[in-house]
Amino acid sequence: MDLRIGPSKTRIGWIGTGVMGAAMCGRLIEAGYTATVFNRTRAKVEPLVARGAKPAGSPAEAAAASDVVFSIVGHPQDVREVILGVDGVLTSARPGMVLVDMTTSEPALARAIAEHAKAKAVHALDAPVSGGDVGAREGRLSIMIGGDAEVAEALRPLFEVLGETIVHQGPAGSGQHTKMVNQVLIAGNMVGVCEALLYACKAGLDPETVLRSVSSGAAGSWSLGKLAPRMIAGDFEPGFFVEHFLKDMGIALAESRRMGLALPGLALAEQLYRAVAAQGLGRKGTQALILALADLSRVDWNNRLSPEGA
């Protein structure tokens, strides 16, 4: 396959400049790639334009100016709109162009996009990521790829700017299925992290001191190492939105039902995160789960009440 990737040869299109997308596109610009960017809220592309990106008025316009188009938006309906919609990527895509959807979305939609793209002689990959806002900024994401293996390998120079764990998982939709595995793991782990911190609080321990003992042992995890300190600091700003995690768990639960799987841990985590959203925290980070769980036990987490005063 003659996909020669490099800053002087490859024009990048980028659709979706939220918490993750802006940082990821920024890294490609820093690596020397020319980027044309689109976001429904124009103000969100301005920081990238200030760094040299060209603004586009639609996903189709971004695609017309690009050799490889990346998208990372919120929900499956957003993916359909920016790729398959009236002004979507595929309306102006040229034969040989590559489309990489990095949104966490539905496996069936990834397969449908691949079929639509194939009809236009366009290559399509589903490549959702994990690693949060920190991983996006530092280029340390895990990238899970579905689609043609040869195309995925050809795009490795681009993926290596964005992530450090880059694995081709199988045909179209496989990247999305792998991301569901990732989200199932995170969901249960987040419940455990929050419950452990609440236990430490009620036992009269200092949570920061507790973390020094447990973070590097058998209980260690990415969530414990990266998000528990934010919980302790009262920092609930989003690295990953609660409402987006609810979307992901909904997809995973729907897929599990389709496959005849019982995943009670995931179902419980999804219900607990619904409680977080019901408290008006849907646009906060996933670490806000501790606030909903603290409320169940009447623990004032933000004020760190002692067991006697709780």
C-alpha atoms as a PDB file:
ATOM      1  CA  MET A   1       0.000   0.000   0.000  1.00  0.00           C
ATOM      2  CA  ASP A   2       1.410   3.349  -1.057  1.00  0.00           C
ATOM      3  CA  LEU A   3       0.437   5.484   1.918  1.00  0.00           C
ATOM      4  CA  ARG A   4       3.537   7.550   2.529  1.00  0.00           C
ATOM      5  CA  ILE A   5       3.016   9.362   5.793  1.00  0.00           C
ATOM      6  CA  GLY A   6       5.065  12.354   6.848  1.00  0.00           C
ATOM      7  CA  PRO A   7       4.733  16.049   7.747  1.00  0.00           C
ATOM      8  CA  SER A   8       5.777  17.151   4.270  1.00  0.00           C
ATOM      9  CA  LYS A   9       3.539  14.636   2.480  1.00  0.00           C
ATOM     10  CA  THR A  10       0.382  14.188   4.565  1.00  0.00           C
ATOM     11  CA  ARG A  11      -2.368  16.750   5.137  1.00  0.00           C
ATOM     12  CA  ILE A  12      -4.421  16.143   8.261  1.00  0.00           C
ATOM     13  CA  GLY A  13      -8.118  16.811   8.801  1.00  0.00           C
ATOM     14  CA  TRP A  14      -9.360  16.913  12.384  1.00  0.00           C
ATOM     15  CA  ILE A  15     -13.013  16.864  13.455  1.00  0.00           C
ATOM     16  CA  GLY A  16     -13.816  17.382  17.132  1.00  0.00           C
ATOM     17  CA  THR A  17     -11.706  19.646  19.331  1.00  0.00           C
ATOM     18  CA  GLY A  18     -12.947  18.843  22.818  1.00  0.00           C
ATOM     19  CA  VAL A  19     -10.847  17.896  25.832  1.00  0.00           C
ATOM     20  CA  MET A  20      -9.150  15.014  24.006  1.00  0.00           C
ATOM     21  CA  GLY A  21      -9.318  16.124  20.388  1.00  0.00           C
ATOM     22  CA  ALA A  22      -7.717  19.524  20.848  1.00  0.00           C
ATOM     23  CA  ALA A  23      -4.706  18.035  22.631  1.00  0.00           C
ATOM     24  CA  MET A  24      -4.301  15.248  20.077  1.00  0.00           C
ATOM     25  CA  CYS A  25      -4.549  17.540  17.068  1.00  0.00           C
ATOM     26  CA  GLY A  26      -2.153  19.925  18.773  1.00  0.00           C
ATOM     27  CA  ARG A  27       0.451  17.195  19.009  1.00  0.00           C
ATOM     28  CA  LEU A  28       0.225  16.528  15.258  1.00  0.00           C
ATOM     29  CA  ILE A  29       0.627  20.238  14.547  1.00  0.00           C
ATOM     30  CA  GLU A  30       3.697  20.299  16.808  1.00  0.00           C
ATOM     31  CA  ALA A  31       5.053  17.327  14.839  1.00  0.00           C
ATOM     32  CA  GLY A  32       4.885  19.436  11.665  1.00  0.00           C
ATOM     33  CA  TYR A  33       1.652  18.268  10.077  1.00  0.00           C
ATOM     34  CA  THR A  34      -0.641  20.720   8.295  1.00  0.00           C
ATOM     35  CA  ALA A  35      -4.127  20.457   9.826  1.00  0.00           C
ATOM     36  CA  THR A  36      -7.600  21.569   8.758  1.00  0.00           C
ATOM     37  CA  VAL A  37      -9.938  21.523  11.736  1.00  0.00           C
ATOM     38  CA  PHE A  38     -13.684  21.529  12.300  1.00  0.00           C
ATOM     39  CA  ASN A  39     -15.790  21.767  15.427  1.00  0.00           C
ATOM     40  CA  ARG A  40     -19.472  22.614  15.701  1.00  0.00           C
ATOM     41  CA  THR A  41     -18.584  25.316  18.222  1.00  0.00           C
ATOM     42  CA  ARG A  42     -16.212  27.487  16.203  1.00  0.00           C
ATOM     43  CA  ALA A  43     -14.601  29.082  19.249  1.00  0.00           C
ATOM     44  CA  LYS A  44     -13.135  25.704  20.225  1.00  0.00           C
ATOM     45  CA  VAL A  45     -10.938  25.582  17.116  1.00  0.00           C
ATOM     46  CA  GLU A  46      -9.427  29.025  17.683  1.00  0.00           C
ATOM     47  CA  PRO A  47      -6.520  27.845  19.902  1.00  0.00           C
ATOM     48  CA  LEU A  48      -5.503  25.403  17.149  1.00  0.00           C
ATOM     49  CA  VAL A  49      -5.923  28.049  14.457  1.00  0.00           C
ATOM     50  CA  ALA A  50      -3.594  30.260  16.495  1.00  0.00           C
ATOM     51  CA  ARG A  51      -1.045  27.452  16.234  1.00  0.00           C
ATOM     52  CA  GLY A  52      -1.329  27.241  12.458  1.00  0.00           C
ATOM     53  CA  ALA A  53      -4.375  25.066  11.750  1.00  0.00           C
ATOM     54  CA  LYS A  54      -6.861  26.064   9.055  1.00  0.00           C
ATOM     55  CA  PRO A  55     -10.542  26.278  10.092  1.00  0.00           C
ATOM     56  CA  ALA A  56     -13.176  24.419   8.078  1.00  0.00           C
ATOM     57  CA  GLY A  57     -16.865  25.202   7.820  1.00  0.00           C
ATOM     58  CA  SER A  58     -17.950  21.558   7.742  1.00  0.00           C
ATOM     59  CA  PRO A  59     -16.554  18.023   8.013  1.00  0.00           C
ATOM     60  CA  ALA A  60     -16.823  17.779   4.219  1.00  0.00           C
ATOM     61  CA  GLU A  61     -14.663  20.876   3.819  1.00  0.00           C
ATOM     62  CA  ALA A  62     -12.068  19.453   6.193  1.00  0.00           C
ATOM     63  CA  ALA A  63     -12.027  16.177   4.258  1.00  0.00           C
ATOM     64  CA  ALA A  64     -11.640  17.928   0.896  1.00  0.00           C
ATOM     65  CA  ALA A  65      -8.395  19.487   2.120  1.00  0.00           C
ATOM     66  CA  SER A  66      -6.951  16.351   3.719  1.00  0.00           C
ATOM     67  CA  ASP A  67      -5.287  13.015   3.060  1.00  0.00           C
ATOM     68  CA  VAL A  68      -6.076  11.534   6.479  1.00  0.00           C
ATOM     69  CA  VAL A  69      -9.116  12.658   8.466  1.00  0.00           C
ATOM     70  CA  PHE A  70      -9.440  12.009  12.193  1.00  0.00           C
ATOM     71  CA  SER A  71     -12.686  12.370  14.110  1.00  0.00           C
ATOM     72  CA  ILE A  72     -13.257  12.281  17.849  1.00  0.00           C
ATOM     73  CA  VAL A  73     -16.693  13.521  18.843  1.00  0.00           C
ATOM     74  CA  GLY A  74     -19.172  12.780  21.612  1.00  0.00           C
ATOM     75  CA  HIS A  75     -21.824  10.218  20.755  1.00  0.00           C
ATOM     76  CA  PRO A  76     -22.659   7.709  17.999  1.00  0.00           C
ATOM     77  CA  GLN A  77     -25.222  10.116  16.539  1.00  0.00           C
ATOM     78  CA  ASP A  78     -22.456  12.717  16.268  1.00  0.00           C
ATOM     79  CA  VAL A  79     -20.265  10.184  14.448  1.00  0.00           C
ATOM     80  CA  ARG A  80     -23.078   9.499  11.984  1.00  0.00           C
ATOM     81  CA  GLU A  81     -23.552  13.207  11.373  1.00  0.00           C
ATOM     82  CA  VAL A  82     -19.903  14.149  10.806  1.00  0.00           C
ATOM     83  CA  ILE A  83     -19.074  11.097   8.675  1.00  0.00           C
ATOM     84  CA  LEU A  84     -22.278   9.952   6.978  1.00  0.00           C
ATOM     85  CA  GLY A  85     -24.335  13.165   7.135  1.00  0.00           C
ATOM     86  CA  VAL A  86     -25.214  15.671   4.424  1.00  0.00           C
ATOM     87  CA  ASP A  87     -21.994  17.638   4.995  1.00  0.00           C
ATOM     88  CA  GLY A  88     -20.091  14.650   6.332  1.00  0.00           C
ATOM     89  CA  VAL A  89     -16.599  13.459   5.554  1.00  0.00           C
ATOM     90  CA  LEU A  90     -17.663  10.884   2.986  1.00  0.00           C
ATOM     91  CA  THR A  91     -19.483  13.441   0.830  1.00  0.00           C
ATOM     92  CA  SER A  92     -16.152  14.914  -0.287  1.00  0.00           C
ATOM     93  CA  ALA A  93     -13.755  12.040   0.385  1.00  0.00           C
ATOM     94  CA  ARG A  94     -11.450  11.116  -2.486  1.00  0.00           C
ATOM     95  CA  PRO A  95     -10.337   7.589  -3.417  1.00  0.00           C
ATOM     96  CA  GLY A  96      -7.331   6.622  -1.346  1.00  0.00           C
ATOM     97  CA  MET A  97      -8.136   8.951   1.531  1.00  0.00           C
ATOM     98  CA  VAL A  98      -8.080   7.485   5.052  1.00  0.00           C
ATOM     99  CA  LEU A  99     -10.726   8.100   7.692  1.00  0.00           C
ATOM    100  CA  VAL A 100      -9.869   7.338  11.326  1.00  0.00           C
ATOM    101  CA  ASP A 101     -12.720   7.584  13.817  1.00  0.00           C
ATOM    102  CA  MET A 102     -11.277   7.769  17.328  1.00  0.00           C
ATOM    103  CA  THR A 103     -14.615   8.323  19.060  1.00  0.00           C
ATOM    104  CA  THR A 104     -15.731   5.610  21.447  1.00  0.00           C
ATOM    105  CA  SER A 105     -18.779   4.430  19.528  1.00  0.00           C
ATOM    106  CA  GLU A 106     -20.828   1.420  18.470  1.00  0.00           C
ATOM    107  CA  PRO A 107     -19.087  -1.538  16.798  1.00  0.00           C
ATOM    108  CA  ALA A 108     -21.974  -1.876  14.329  1.00  0.00           C
ATOM    109  CA  LEU A 109     -21.598   1.774  13.329  1.00  0.00           C
ATOM    110  CA  ALA A 110     -17.873   1.289  12.756  1.00  0.00           C
ATOM    111  CA  ARG A 111     -18.656  -1.602  10.421  1.00  0.00           C
ATOM    112  CA  ALA A 112     -21.285   0.455   8.583  1.00  0.00           C
ATOM    113  CA  ILE A 113     -18.845   3.340   8.103  1.00  0.00           C
ATOM    114  CA  ALA A 114     -16.239   0.932   6.762  1.00  0.00           C
ATOM    115  CA  GLU A 115     -18.746  -0.356   4.179  1.00  0.00           C
ATOM    116  CA  HIS A 116     -19.764   3.149   3.096  1.00  0.00           C
ATOM    117  CA  ALA A 117     -16.118   4.159   2.853  1.00  0.00           C
ATOM    118  CA  LYS A 118     -15.206   1.076   0.824  1.00  0.00           C
ATOM    119  CA  ALA A 119     -17.871   1.972  -1.727  1.00  0.00           C
ATOM    120  CA  LYS A 120     -15.996   5.248  -2.290  1.00  0.00           C
ATOM    121  CA  ALA A 121     -12.551   3.582  -2.330  1.00  0.00           C
ATOM    122  CA  VAL A 122     -11.815   5.246   1.016  1.00  0.00           C
ATOM    123  CA  HIS A 123     -10.005   3.429   3.831  1.00  0.00           C
ATOM    124  CA  ALA A 124     -11.723   3.549   7.234  1.00  0.00           C
ATOM    125  CA  LEU A 125     -10.384   2.590  10.651  1.00  0.00           C
ATOM    126  CA  ASP A 126     -12.068   2.647  14.043  1.00  0.00           C
ATOM    127  CA  ALA A 127      -9.404   3.597  16.568  1.00  0.00           C
ATOM    128  CA  PRO A 128     -10.794   4.613  19.970  1.00  0.00           C
ATOM    129  CA  VAL A 129      -8.315   5.614  22.636  1.00  0.00           C
ATOM    130  CA  SER A 130      -7.768   5.363  26.376  1.00  0.00           C
ATOM    131  CA  GLY A 131      -5.565   7.474  28.615  1.00  0.00           C
ATOM    132  CA  GLY A 132      -7.628  10.553  29.373  1.00  0.00           C
ATOM    133  CA  ASP A 133      -6.657  14.182  29.050  1.00  0.00           C
ATOM    134  CA  VAL A 134      -3.173  13.600  30.449  1.00  0.00           C
ATOM    135  CA  GLY A 135      -2.451  10.814  27.959  1.00  0.00           C
ATOM    136  CA  ALA A 136      -3.742  12.990  25.123  1.00  0.00           C
ATOM    137  CA  ARG A 137      -1.500  15.910  26.063  1.00  0.00           C
ATOM    138  CA  GLU A 138       1.571  13.746  26.580  1.00  0.00           C
ATOM    139  CA  GLY A 139       1.089  11.399  23.617  1.00  0.00           C
ATOM    140  CA  ARG A 140       0.769   8.342  25.830  1.00  0.00           C
ATOM    141  CA  LEU A 141      -2.632   7.080  24.731  1.00  0.00           C
ATOM    142  CA  SER A 142      -3.536   3.466  24.126  1.00  0.00           C
ATOM    143  CA  ILE A 143      -4.944   3.212  20.593  1.00  0.00           C
ATOM    144  CA  MET A 144      -7.165   0.228  19.736  1.00  0.00           C
ATOM    145  CA  ILE A 145      -7.534  -0.238  15.989  1.00  0.00           C
ATOM    146  CA  GLY A 146     -10.147  -2.016  13.905  1.00  0.00           C
ATOM    147  CA  GLY A 147      -9.998  -2.258  10.111  1.00  0.00           C
ATOM    148  CA  ASP A 148      -7.433  -3.182   7.509  1.00  0.00           C
ATOM    149  CA  ALA A 149      -4.130  -4.130   9.165  1.00  0.00           C
ATOM    150  CA  GLU A 150      -2.048  -2.777   6.275  1.00  0.00           C
ATOM    151  CA  VAL A 151      -3.726   0.620   6.482  1.00  0.00           C
ATOM    152  CA  ALA A 152      -3.268   0.682  10.252  1.00  0.00           C
ATOM    153  CA  GLU A 153       0.434  -0.054   9.880  1.00  0.00           C
ATOM    154  CA  ALA A 154       0.841   2.622   7.201  1.00  0.00           C
ATOM    155  CA  LEU A 155      -0.597   5.199   9.619  1.00  0.00           C
ATOM    156  CA  ARG A 156       1.731   4.193  12.434  1.00  0.00           C
ATOM    157  CA  PRO A 157       3.833   7.401  12.161  1.00  0.00           C
ATOM    158  CA  LEU A 158       0.683   9.388  12.966  1.00  0.00           C
ATOM    159  CA  PHE A 159      -0.452   7.058  15.723  1.00  0.00           C
ATOM    160  CA  GLU A 160       2.988   7.210  17.333  1.00  0.00           C
ATOM    161  CA  VAL A 161       2.609  10.976  17.772  1.00  0.00           C
ATOM    162  CA  LEU A 162      -0.611  10.352  19.701  1.00  0.00           C
ATOM    163  CA  GLY A 163       0.020   7.205  21.691  1.00  0.00           C
ATOM    164  CA  GLU A 164       2.526   4.709  23.004  1.00  0.00           C
ATOM    165  CA  THR A 165       0.416   1.531  22.906  1.00  0.00           C
ATOM    166  CA  ILE A 166      -0.808   0.958  19.349  1.00  0.00           C
ATOM    167  CA  VAL A 167      -2.463  -2.393  18.678  1.00  0.00           C
ATOM    168  CA  HIS A 168      -4.405  -3.613  15.664  1.00  0.00           C
ATOM    169  CA  GLN A 169      -7.258  -5.719  17.025  1.00  0.00           C
ATOM    170  CA  GLY A 170      -8.958  -7.103  13.895  1.00  0.00           C
ATOM    171  CA  PRO A 171     -11.502  -6.112  11.249  1.00  0.00           C
ATOM    172  CA  ALA A 172     -13.818  -3.099  11.356  1.00  0.00           C
ATOM    173  CA  GLY A 173     -15.532  -2.778  14.733  1.00  0.00           C
ATOM    174  CA  SER A 174     -12.769  -4.595  16.614  1.00  0.00           C
ATOM    175  CA  GLY A 175     -11.299  -1.380  17.945  1.00  0.00           C
ATOM    176  CA  GLN A 176     -14.675  -0.420  19.382  1.00  0.00           C
ATOM    177  CA  HIS A 177     -15.174  -3.833  20.965  1.00  0.00           C
ATOM    178  CA  THR A 178     -11.726  -3.557  22.569  1.00  0.00           C
ATOM    179  CA  LYS A 179     -12.619  -0.131  23.945  1.00  0.00           C
ATOM    180  CA  MET A 180     -15.724  -1.673  25.512  1.00  0.00           C
ATOM    181  CA  VAL A 181     -13.454  -4.183  27.279  1.00  0.00           C
ATOM    182  CA  ASN A 182     -11.435  -1.206  28.518  1.00  0.00           C
ATOM    183  CA  GLN A 183     -14.533   0.582  29.792  1.00  0.00           C
ATOM    184  CA  VAL A 184     -15.846  -2.515  31.586  1.00  0.00           C
ATOM    185  CA  LEU A 185     -12.522  -2.722  33.417  1.00  0.00           C
ATOM    186  CA  ILE A 186     -12.545   0.966  34.318  1.00  0.00           C
ATOM    187  CA  ALA A 187     -16.171   0.967  35.507  1.00  0.00           C
ATOM    188  CA  GLY A 188     -15.651  -1.665  38.179  1.00  0.00           C
ATOM    189  CA  ASN A 189     -12.280  -0.272  39.171  1.00  0.00           C
ATOM    190  CA  MET A 190     -13.673   3.233  39.674  1.00  0.00           C
ATOM    191  CA  VAL A 191     -16.247   1.910  42.122  1.00  0.00           C
ATOM    192  CA  GLY A 192     -13.469   0.179  44.050  1.00  0.00           C
ATOM    193  CA  VAL A 193     -11.258   3.283  44.120  1.00  0.00           C
ATOM    194  CA  CYS A 194     -14.064   5.452  45.472  1.00  0.00           C
ATOM    195  CA  GLU A 195     -15.177   2.929  48.076  1.00  0.00           C
ATOM    196  CA  ALA A 196     -11.579   2.515  49.270  1.00  0.00           C
ATOM    197  CA  LEU A 197     -11.103   6.264  49.715  1.00  0.00           C
ATOM    198  CA  LEU A 198     -14.377   6.555  51.590  1.00  0.00           C
ATOM    199  CA  TYR A 199     -13.312   3.716  53.868  1.00  0.00           C
ATOM    200  CA  ALA A 200     -10.039   5.512  54.564  1.00  0.00           C
ATOM    201  CA  CYS A 201     -11.919   8.724  55.341  1.00  0.00           C
ATOM    202  CA  LYS A 202     -14.367   7.086  57.766  1.00  0.00           C
ATOM    203  CA  ALA A 203     -11.530   5.198  59.482  1.00  0.00           C
ATOM    204  CA  GLY A 204      -9.845   8.492  60.271  1.00  0.00           C
ATOM    205  CA  LEU A 205      -6.900   7.914  57.930  1.00  0.00           C
ATOM    206  CA  ASP A 206      -5.248  10.548  55.767  1.00  0.00           C
ATOM    207  CA  PRO A 207      -6.144   9.562  52.168  1.00  0.00           C
ATOM    208  CA  GLU A 208      -2.885  10.932  50.721  1.00  0.00           C
ATOM    209  CA  THR A 209      -0.837   8.869  53.172  1.00  0.00           C
ATOM    210  CA  VAL A 210      -2.951   5.795  52.403  1.00  0.00           C
ATOM    211  CA  LEU A 211      -2.263   6.215  48.680  1.00  0.00           C
ATOM    212  CA  ARG A 212       1.475   6.081  49.334  1.00  0.00           C
ATOM    213  CA  SER A 213       1.022   2.555  50.679  1.00  0.00           C
ATOM    214  CA  VAL A 214      -1.520   1.112  48.266  1.00  0.00           C
ATOM    215  CA  SER A 215      -0.806   2.727  44.892  1.00  0.00           C
ATOM    216  CA  SER A 216       2.299   0.704  44.089  1.00  0.00           C
ATOM    217  CA  GLY A 217       1.096  -2.657  45.409  1.00  0.00           C
ATOM    218  CA  ALA A 218      -1.315  -5.241  44.055  1.00  0.00           C
ATOM    219  CA  ALA A 219      -4.176  -2.731  44.316  1.00  0.00           C
ATOM    220  CA  GLY A 220      -2.475  -0.237  42.011  1.00  0.00           C
ATOM    221  CA  SER A 221      -4.264   0.940  38.857  1.00  0.00           C
ATOM    222  CA  TRP A 222      -4.370   3.870  36.455  1.00  0.00           C
ATOM    223  CA  SER A 223      -7.521   5.186  38.131  1.00  0.00           C
ATOM    224  CA  LEU A 224      -5.981   4.944  41.585  1.00  0.00           C
ATOM    225  CA  GLY A 225      -2.775   6.629  40.478  1.00  0.00           C
ATOM    226  CA  LYS A 226      -4.268   9.380  38.295  1.00  0.00           C
ATOM    227  CA  LEU A 227      -7.790  10.033  39.548  1.00  0.00           C
ATOM    228  CA  ALA A 228      -7.669   9.326  43.270  1.00  0.00           C
ATOM    229  CA  PRO A 229      -5.348  12.331  43.824  1.00  0.00           C
ATOM    230  CA  ARG A 230      -7.878  14.498  41.985  1.00  0.00           C
ATOM    231  CA  MET A 231     -10.659  13.198  44.220  1.00  0.00           C
ATOM    232  CA  ILE A 232      -8.612  13.974  47.320  1.00  0.00           C
ATOM    233  CA  ALA A 233      -7.851  17.465  46.022  1.00  0.00           C
ATOM    234  CA  GLY A 234     -11.521  18.112  45.233  1.00  0.00           C
ATOM    235  CA  ASP A 235     -10.689  18.474  41.534  1.00  0.00           C
ATOM    236  CA  PHE A 236     -13.646  17.202  39.529  1.00  0.00           C
ATOM    237  CA  GLU A 237     -12.915  18.953  36.243  1.00  0.00           C
ATOM    238  CA  PRO A 238     -13.194  16.597  33.294  1.00  0.00           C
ATOM    239  CA  GLY A 239     -10.416  14.539  31.852  1.00  0.00           C
ATOM    240  CA  PHE A 240     -13.324  12.408  30.656  1.00  0.00           C
ATOM    241  CA  PHE A 241     -16.951  13.489  31.084  1.00  0.00           C
ATOM    242  CA  VAL A 242     -19.358  11.486  33.233  1.00  0.00           C
ATOM    243  CA  GLU A 243     -21.971  11.798  30.473  1.00  0.00           C
ATOM    244  CA  HIS A 244     -19.584  10.280  27.941  1.00  0.00           C
ATOM    245  CA  PHE A 245     -18.742   7.402  30.293  1.00  0.00           C
ATOM    246  CA  LEU A 246     -22.471   6.745  30.673  1.00  0.00           C
ATOM    247  CA  LYS A 247     -22.700   6.583  26.885  1.00  0.00           C
ATOM    248  CA  ASP A 248     -19.841   4.075  26.788  1.00  0.00           C
ATOM    249  CA  MET A 249     -21.323   1.864  29.496  1.00  0.00           C
ATOM    250  CA  GLY A 250     -24.653   1.948  27.673  1.00  0.00           C
ATOM    251  CA  ILE A 251     -22.975   0.650  24.513  1.00  0.00           C
ATOM    252  CA  ALA A 252     -21.151  -2.061  26.474  1.00  0.00           C
ATOM    253  CA  LEU A 253     -24.368  -3.163  28.196  1.00  0.00           C
ATOM    254  CA  ALA A 254     -26.239  -3.268  24.877  1.00  0.00           C
ATOM    255  CA  GLU A 255     -23.465  -5.355  23.316  1.00  0.00           C
ATOM    256  CA  SER A 256     -23.393  -7.675  26.331  1.00  0.00           C
ATOM    257  CA  ARG A 257     -27.147  -8.242  26.031  1.00  0.00           C
ATOM    258  CA  ARG A 258     -26.756  -8.942  22.320  1.00  0.00           C
ATOM    259  CA  MET A 259     -24.083 -11.547  23.113  1.00  0.00           C
ATOM    260  CA  GLY A 260     -26.067 -13.071  25.986  1.00  0.00           C
ATOM    261  CA  LEU A 261     -23.635 -11.959  28.685  1.00  0.00           C
ATOM    262  CA  ALA A 262     -24.550 -11.113  32.267  1.00  0.00           C
ATOM    263  CA  LEU A 263     -22.283  -8.294  33.497  1.00  0.00           C
ATOM    264  CA  PRO A 264     -23.726  -7.335  36.908  1.00  0.00           C
ATOM    265  CA  GLY A 265     -20.676  -5.305  37.947  1.00  0.00           C
ATOM    266  CA  LEU A 266     -20.955  -3.104  34.877  1.00  0.00           C
ATOM    267  CA  ALA A 267     -24.703  -2.711  35.397  1.00  0.00           C
ATOM    268  CA  LEU A 268     -24.124  -1.573  38.994  1.00  0.00           C
ATOM    269  CA  ALA A 269     -21.439   0.914  37.957  1.00  0.00           C
ATOM    270  CA  GLU A 270     -23.748   2.339  35.287  1.00  0.00           C
ATOM    271  CA  GLN A 271     -26.509   2.875  37.838  1.00  0.00           C
ATOM    272  CA  LEU A 272     -24.123   4.597  40.260  1.00  0.00           C
ATOM    273  CA  TYR A 273     -22.930   6.920  37.497  1.00  0.00           C
ATOM    274  CA  ARG A 274     -26.560   7.717  36.708  1.00  0.00           C
ATOM    275  CA  ALA A 275     -26.766   8.971  40.273  1.00  0.00           C
ATOM    276  CA  VAL A 276     -23.769  11.209  39.583  1.00  0.00           C
ATOM    277  CA  ALA A 277     -25.526  12.675  36.537  1.00  0.00           C
ATOM    278  CA  ALA A 278     -28.722  13.130  38.547  1.00  0.00           C
ATOM    279  CA  GLN A 279     -26.758  15.339  40.938  1.00  0.00           C
ATOM    280  CA  GLY A 280     -26.004  17.659  38.014  1.00  0.00           C
ATOM    281  CA  LEU A 281     -22.448  16.410  37.566  1.00  0.00           C
ATOM    282  CA  GLY A 282     -22.696  14.955  34.064  1.00  0.00           C
ATOM    283  CA  ARG A 283     -20.170  17.453  32.694  1.00  0.00           C
ATOM    284  CA  LYS A 284     -17.682  16.733  35.457  1.00  0.00           C
ATOM    285  CA  GLY A 285     -14.922  14.138  35.286  1.00  0.00           C
ATOM    286  CA  THR A 286     -15.529  10.467  36.052  1.00  0.00           C
ATOM    287  CA  GLN A 287     -13.804  10.953  39.426  1.00  0.00           C
ATOM    288  CA  ALA A 288     -17.001  12.728  40.561  1.00  0.00           C
ATOM    289  CA  LEU A 289     -18.363   9.245  41.294  1.00  0.00           C
ATOM    290  CA  ILE A 290     -16.957   9.613  44.802  1.00  0.00           C
ATOM    291  CA  LEU A 291     -19.432  12.419  45.517  1.00  0.00           C
ATOM    292  CA  ALA A 292     -22.435  10.210  44.767  1.00  0.00           C
ATOM    293  CA  LEU A 293     -21.043   7.322  46.811  1.00  0.00           C
ATOM    294  CA  ALA A 294     -20.155   9.658  49.683  1.00  0.00           C
ATOM    295  CA  ASP A 295     -23.725  10.909  49.696  1.00  0.00           C
ATOM    296  CA  LEU A 296     -25.008   7.348  50.229  1.00  0.00           C
ATOM    297  CA  SER A 297     -23.107   7.195  53.536  1.00  0.00           C
ATOM    298  CA  ARG A 298     -23.664  10.833  54.480  1.00  0.00           C
ATOM    299  CA  VAL A 299     -19.962  11.623  54.169  1.00  0.00           C
ATOM    300  CA  ASP A 300     -19.152  15.249  53.377  1.00  0.00           C
ATOM    301  CA  TRP A 301     -16.248  14.427  51.079  1.00  0.00           C
ATOM    302  CA  ASN A 302     -15.310  17.967  50.177  1.00  0.00           C
ATOM    303  CA  ASN A 303     -15.002  18.983  53.835  1.00  0.00           C
ATOM    304  CA  ARG A 304     -13.312  15.752  54.959  1.00  0.00           C
ATOM    305  CA  LEU A 305     -15.448  15.295  58.043  1.00  0.00           C
ATOM    306  CA  SER A 306     -14.006  12.957  60.655  1.00  0.00           C
ATOM    307  CA  PRO A 307     -15.929   9.746  61.429  1.00  0.00           C
ATOM    308  CA  GLU A 308     -17.296  11.402  64.569  1.00  0.00           C
ATOM    309  CA  GLY A 309     -18.539  14.455  62.693  1.00  0.00           C
ATOM    310  CA  ALA A 310     -19.832  12.711  59.593  1.00  0.00           C
END
